[in-house]
Protein backbone atom coordinates (compact mmCIF):
# COMPACT_ATOMS: atom_id res chain seq x y z
CA MET A 1 8.61 -17.51 21.28
CA PRO A 2 9.74 -19.29 24.45
CA ALA A 3 13.13 -18.47 25.89
CA SER A 4 16.05 -20.88 25.90
CA ALA A 5 15.90 -23.86 28.24
CA SER A 6 18.48 -22.23 30.51
CA LEU A 7 16.42 -19.03 30.83
CA ARG A 8 13.28 -21.05 31.50
CA ARG A 9 15.21 -22.81 34.29
CA ALA A 10 16.49 -19.46 35.58
CA ALA A 11 12.90 -18.22 35.75
CA ASP A 12 11.91 -21.19 37.92
CA LEU A 13 14.82 -21.09 40.36
CA PRO A 14 13.79 -17.90 42.20
CA ALA A 15 10.36 -19.41 42.93
CA ASP A 16 12.25 -22.05 44.91
CA GLY A 17 14.32 -19.36 46.63
CA ASP A 18 17.50 -20.20 44.72
CA TRP A 19 18.40 -16.74 43.47
CA HIS A 20 22.11 -17.62 43.42
CA ALA A 21 21.71 -20.40 40.82
CA ALA A 22 19.43 -18.17 38.74
CA HIS A 23 22.04 -15.41 38.89
CA LEU A 24 24.70 -17.73 37.50
CA ILE A 25 22.51 -18.36 34.45
CA VAL A 26 21.27 -14.84 33.72
CA GLN A 27 24.62 -13.11 34.10
CA ASP A 28 25.81 -14.87 30.93
CA ASP A 29 22.83 -13.88 28.76
CA ASP A 30 22.43 -10.51 27.01
CA SER A 31 18.67 -10.66 26.43
CA ALA A 32 16.16 -8.27 27.95
CA LEU A 33 14.47 -11.21 29.69
CA ALA A 34 17.75 -12.18 31.35
CA ALA A 35 18.31 -8.56 32.42
CA TRP A 36 14.83 -8.50 33.99
CA MET A 37 15.50 -11.75 35.83
CA HIS A 38 18.88 -10.35 36.84
CA GLY A 39 17.01 -7.48 38.49
CA ILE A 40 14.69 -9.90 40.26
CA VAL A 41 17.54 -11.93 41.73
CA HIS A 42 19.28 -8.78 42.95
CA MET A 43 16.09 -7.77 44.74
CA MET A 44 16.00 -11.23 46.35
CA GLU A 45 19.61 -10.69 47.38
CA GLY A 46 18.67 -7.35 48.93
CA ASP A 47 20.61 -5.20 46.47
CA ALA A 48 17.93 -2.74 45.30
CA SER A 49 20.42 -0.40 43.61
CA ASN A 50 21.78 -3.16 41.38
CA ALA A 51 18.24 -4.45 40.74
CA HIS A 52 17.22 -0.99 39.58
CA TYR A 53 20.11 -0.97 37.12
CA TRP A 54 19.07 -4.33 35.63
CA TYR A 55 15.44 -3.31 35.31
CA GLY A 56 16.70 -0.36 33.28
CA ARG A 57 18.77 -2.66 31.08
CA ALA A 58 15.62 -4.72 30.53
CA SER A 59 13.67 -1.54 29.63
CA ARG A 60 11.18 -2.40 32.36
CA PRO A 61 9.79 0.00 34.95
CA PHE A 62 11.10 -0.68 38.42
CA PRO A 63 8.17 -1.85 40.57
CA VAL A 64 6.96 0.85 42.94
CA SER A 65 5.20 -1.67 45.12
CA TRP A 66 7.52 -4.65 45.12
CA ASP A 67 5.64 -7.96 44.77
CA LEU A 68 8.34 -10.59 44.37
CA ARG A 69 5.93 -13.42 43.66
CA ALA A 70 4.20 -11.42 40.90
CA GLU A 71 7.55 -10.51 39.30
CA ILE A 72 8.72 -14.14 39.36
CA GLU A 73 5.44 -15.40 37.91
CA ALA A 74 5.50 -12.77 35.16
CA ALA A 75 9.09 -13.67 34.26
CA GLN A 76 8.15 -17.36 34.19
CA ALA A 77 5.23 -16.64 31.85
CA GLU A 78 7.42 -14.61 29.51
CA ALA A 79 10.15 -17.28 29.55
CA ARG A 80 7.56 -19.85 28.48
CA GLY A 81 6.41 -17.67 25.61
CA ALA A 82 3.12 -16.60 27.15
CA GLY A 83 3.79 -13.09 25.90
CA PRO A 84 5.17 -9.97 27.50
CA ALA A 85 4.30 -9.50 31.12
């Protein structure tokens, strides 16, 4: 099932480099998808420690080889209901 409209928007914002706006959305959502996106935006911000925490909250492995574009695209696909990434 696709995520809420706000989470779909939050998944698109990092692709445009707007991690701050995405952060404002995901910090108010308790879902695992929001936690994953929360981790992504903290990596964009340069806060790896906080990102690691949020990946744990999302029950997702923290990427060993960080590929920001791949993480954003996977989060977008999940937000649109394309299945788990």
